[in-house]
Amino acid sequence: MSSHSDDWSTRHSVLATARRTAALLNVLADERPDPAGVADTLRAYGEAEPIDLTTGDVAAMRAAAALLRPAFAAEDADAAAAVLNLLLKDHTGPLRLSSHGGGTPWHPHLDHDDEAPWDEWLLASSCMALTVLVWDRQRPPGGICASPSCRNVFLAQGSGPERRYCSRRCATRERVAAHRRAHATGQSGEVT
């Protein structure tokens, strides 16, 4: 395999982990996330069975998600790096390679062992992916939706203009609301 293919594979893996991180942060942002919903999100992003989450597991994962959220809220790469450096220092183990006893290809881990609790795994794997994104792109890994009715996190994609919304749906909803407000007051209601 060429080094270009290896590079693509690594980038794909980092992006997949970062996407899983964003999805988990969003499902865990609910005041009382449902363990079945969290498990479904894990399955959707390729986590192997069995996925047996207790309410305690989900509560601990929710606390880990709250620690990760400021990396998405960071205004610039320096702020994102500061958040991630603190998390790496305070909440992860040393970098190591694992194959889970030969059950998977070798891959990096920052959790303390292959049987780490869900919250430690979430924090460690997410820190690794978000750190690589900040390193590779020299900007925050994403953002928090500007819609007051949403507040989901999202990954920054590509080199285009900076995103403000997690989805077209949220952007459209806010544009329509601004248009209606402007129409009611007789002003222009452009939202970017």
Protein backbone atom coordinates (compact mmCIF):
# COMPACT_ATOMS: atom_id res chain seq x y z
CA MET A 1 0.00 0.00 0.00
CA SER A 2 1.36 3.46 -0.84
CA SER A 3 1.97 6.11 1.79
CA HIS A 4 -0.81 8.15 0.16
CA SER A 5 -3.26 5.31 0.85
CA ASP A 6 -1.97 5.05 4.41
CA ASP A 7 -2.46 8.80 4.81
CA TRP A 8 -6.03 8.54 3.49
CA SER A 9 -6.78 5.64 5.82
CA THR A 10 -5.47 7.54 8.83
CA ARG A 11 -7.39 10.69 7.92
CA HIS A 12 -10.56 8.64 7.35
CA SER A 13 -10.16 7.00 10.76
CA VAL A 14 -9.58 10.35 12.49
CA LEU A 15 -12.60 11.89 10.76
CA ALA A 16 -14.77 8.88 11.59
CA THR A 17 -13.78 9.14 15.26
CA ALA A 18 -14.35 12.90 15.25
CA ARG A 19 -17.79 12.44 13.65
CA ARG A 20 -18.63 9.85 16.29
CA THR A 21 -17.48 12.31 18.95
CA ALA A 22 -19.78 15.05 17.62
CA ALA A 23 -22.72 12.63 17.39
CA LEU A 24 -22.16 11.40 20.94
CA LEU A 25 -21.77 14.92 22.32
CA ASN A 26 -25.08 15.82 20.72
CA VAL A 27 -26.99 12.78 22.03
CA LEU A 28 -25.39 13.17 25.46
CA ALA A 29 -26.37 16.86 25.61
CA ASP A 30 -29.94 15.84 26.45
CA GLU A 31 -30.70 16.42 30.10
CA ARG A 32 -31.48 12.71 30.57
CA PRO A 33 -29.98 10.80 27.64
CA ASP A 34 -31.46 7.37 27.04
CA PRO A 35 -28.89 4.54 27.29
CA ALA A 36 -30.54 2.85 24.28
CA GLY A 37 -30.16 6.04 22.20
CA VAL A 38 -26.50 6.37 23.18
CA ALA A 39 -25.94 2.69 22.31
CA ASP A 40 -27.64 3.24 18.93
CA THR A 41 -25.28 6.14 18.23
CA LEU A 42 -22.28 3.96 19.13
CA ARG A 43 -23.55 1.23 16.78
CA ALA A 44 -24.13 3.76 13.99
CA TYR A 45 -20.46 4.70 14.19
CA GLY A 46 -19.18 1.12 14.16
CA GLU A 47 -18.74 0.25 17.82
CA ALA A 48 -18.71 -3.53 18.25
CA GLU A 49 -21.26 -5.46 20.27
CA PRO A 50 -21.99 -6.02 23.02
CA ILE A 51 -22.89 -2.46 23.98
CA ASP A 52 -24.43 -2.72 27.43
CA LEU A 53 -24.74 0.77 28.86
CA THR A 54 -26.12 1.47 32.30
CA THR A 55 -27.57 4.80 33.38
CA GLY A 56 -24.34 5.24 35.38
CA ASP A 57 -22.25 4.67 32.23
CA VAL A 58 -24.30 7.26 30.37
CA ALA A 59 -24.06 9.78 33.23
CA ALA A 60 -20.27 9.39 33.25
CA MET A 61 -20.17 9.70 29.44
CA ARG A 62 -22.28 12.85 29.71
CA ALA A 63 -19.70 14.34 32.11
CA ALA A 64 -16.92 13.43 29.65
CA ALA A 65 -18.90 15.03 26.80
CA ALA A 66 -19.20 18.24 28.82
CA LEU A 67 -15.40 18.34 29.11
CA LEU A 68 -15.01 17.91 25.33
CA ARG A 69 -17.61 20.51 24.30
CA PRO A 70 -15.31 23.54 24.86
CA ALA A 71 -12.97 22.24 22.14
CA PHE A 72 -15.85 22.77 19.69
CA ALA A 73 -16.64 26.19 21.19
CA ALA A 74 -13.04 27.42 20.82
CA GLU A 75 -12.63 30.63 18.83
CA ASP A 76 -9.28 29.65 17.31
CA ALA A 77 -6.66 26.91 17.16
CA ASP A 78 -4.83 28.25 20.23
CA ALA A 79 -7.97 28.03 22.37
CA ALA A 80 -8.84 24.55 21.04
CA ALA A 81 -5.27 23.38 21.71
CA ALA A 82 -5.41 24.75 25.27
CA VAL A 83 -8.63 22.82 25.97
CA LEU A 84 -7.27 19.61 24.45
CA ASN A 85 -3.87 19.92 26.17
CA LEU A 86 -5.58 20.22 29.55
CA LEU A 87 -7.81 17.21 28.83
CA LEU A 88 -4.83 15.15 27.62
CA LYS A 89 -2.85 16.09 30.75
CA ASP A 90 -5.64 15.50 33.26
CA HIS A 91 -7.77 12.71 31.78
CA THR A 92 -5.84 10.38 29.51
CA GLY A 93 -3.18 7.73 29.86
CA PRO A 94 0.05 7.51 27.89
CA LEU A 95 -0.17 6.95 24.14
CA ARG A 96 0.05 3.26 23.30
CA LEU A 97 -0.86 0.85 20.50
CA SER A 98 -3.50 -1.83 20.97
CA SER A 99 -4.90 -4.66 18.88
CA HIS A 100 -7.34 -5.70 21.63
CA GLY A 101 -5.54 -9.04 21.92
CA GLY A 102 -5.33 -9.51 18.15
CA GLY A 103 -9.04 -8.84 17.50
CA THR A 104 -8.45 -5.61 15.57
CA PRO A 105 -5.65 -3.99 13.56
CA TRP A 106 -3.11 -2.07 15.66
CA HIS A 107 -4.35 1.41 16.50
CA PRO A 108 -3.48 4.15 19.03
CA HIS A 109 -5.14 4.41 22.44
CA LEU A 110 -4.94 7.05 25.15
CA ASP A 111 -7.20 5.32 27.67
CA HIS A 112 -5.52 3.42 30.50
CA ASP A 113 -6.32 -0.10 29.25
CA ASP A 114 -8.43 -1.99 26.72
CA GLU A 115 -11.18 -2.48 29.30
CA ALA A 116 -11.50 1.21 30.21
CA PRO A 117 -14.94 2.45 31.22
CA TRP A 118 -17.05 4.12 28.52
CA ASP A 119 -16.43 7.66 29.76
CA GLU A 120 -12.64 7.21 29.80
CA TRP A 121 -12.76 5.63 26.33
CA LEU A 122 -14.93 8.50 24.99
CA LEU A 123 -12.66 11.17 26.41
CA ALA A 124 -9.42 9.51 25.30
CA SER A 125 -10.47 8.56 21.75
CA SER A 126 -12.15 11.92 21.21
CA CYS A 127 -9.13 13.86 22.47
CA MET A 128 -6.92 11.95 20.08
CA ALA A 129 -9.12 12.61 17.04
CA LEU A 130 -9.74 16.28 17.87
CA THR A 131 -6.03 16.82 18.56
CA VAL A 132 -5.12 15.42 15.15
CA LEU A 133 -7.73 17.67 13.49
CA VAL A 134 -6.38 20.79 15.21
CA TRP A 135 -2.83 19.75 14.29
CA ASP A 136 -3.72 18.97 10.67
CA ARG A 137 -6.00 21.96 10.00
CA GLN A 138 -4.57 24.56 12.42
CA ARG A 139 -8.06 25.60 13.47
CA PRO A 140 -10.72 24.44 15.93
CA PRO A 141 -12.20 21.04 15.07
CA GLY A 142 -15.68 22.44 14.60
CA GLY A 143 -18.23 24.64 16.26
CA ILE A 144 -21.48 24.89 18.15
CA CYS A 145 -24.64 25.61 16.17
CA ALA A 146 -25.54 29.32 16.27
CA SER A 147 -29.25 28.50 16.36
CA PRO A 148 -30.58 29.28 19.85
CA SER A 149 -32.99 26.36 19.52
CA CYS A 150 -30.29 23.81 18.68
CA ARG A 151 -26.76 24.15 20.14
CA ASN A 152 -25.47 20.88 18.55
CA VAL A 153 -21.75 20.58 17.91
CA PHE A 154 -20.48 19.98 14.38
CA LEU A 155 -17.18 19.34 12.60
CA ALA A 156 -15.65 22.01 10.40
CA GLN A 157 -15.57 20.71 6.83
CA GLY A 158 -13.25 21.78 4.05
CA SER A 159 -11.73 25.18 3.46
CA GLY A 160 -14.84 27.18 2.59
CA PRO A 161 -16.41 29.94 4.66
CA GLU A 162 -16.74 29.35 8.38
CA ARG A 163 -19.89 27.45 9.30
CA ARG A 164 -22.26 28.83 11.89
CA TYR A 165 -24.94 26.13 11.87
CA CYS A 166 -24.82 22.37 12.35
CA SER A 167 -27.09 21.71 9.36
CA ARG A 168 -28.87 23.31 6.44
CA ARG A 169 -32.09 22.81 8.37
CA CYS A 170 -30.90 25.03 11.24
CA ALA A 171 -29.48 27.66 8.84
CA THR A 172 -32.74 27.77 6.89
CA ARG A 173 -34.85 27.97 10.06
CA GLU A 174 -32.78 30.94 11.28
CA ARG A 175 -32.90 32.67 7.85
CA VAL A 176 -36.68 32.29 7.75
CA ALA A 177 -37.00 33.62 11.31
CA ALA A 178 -34.76 36.61 10.48
CA HIS A 179 -36.75 37.28 7.31
CA ARG A 180 -40.02 37.21 9.26
CA ARG A 181 -38.63 39.54 11.92
CA ALA A 182 -37.31 41.92 9.27
CA HIS A 183 -40.58 41.80 7.33
CA ALA A 184 -42.48 42.62 10.52
CA THR A 185 -40.24 45.66 11.17
CA GLY A 186 -39.71 46.62 7.49
CA GLN A 187 -35.93 45.90 7.44
CA SER A 188 -33.65 43.61 5.48
CA GLY A 189 -33.28 40.24 7.22
CA GLU A 190 -30.22 38.57 5.72
CA VAL A 191 -28.61 35.88 7.86
CA THR A 192 -25.24 34.40 6.88
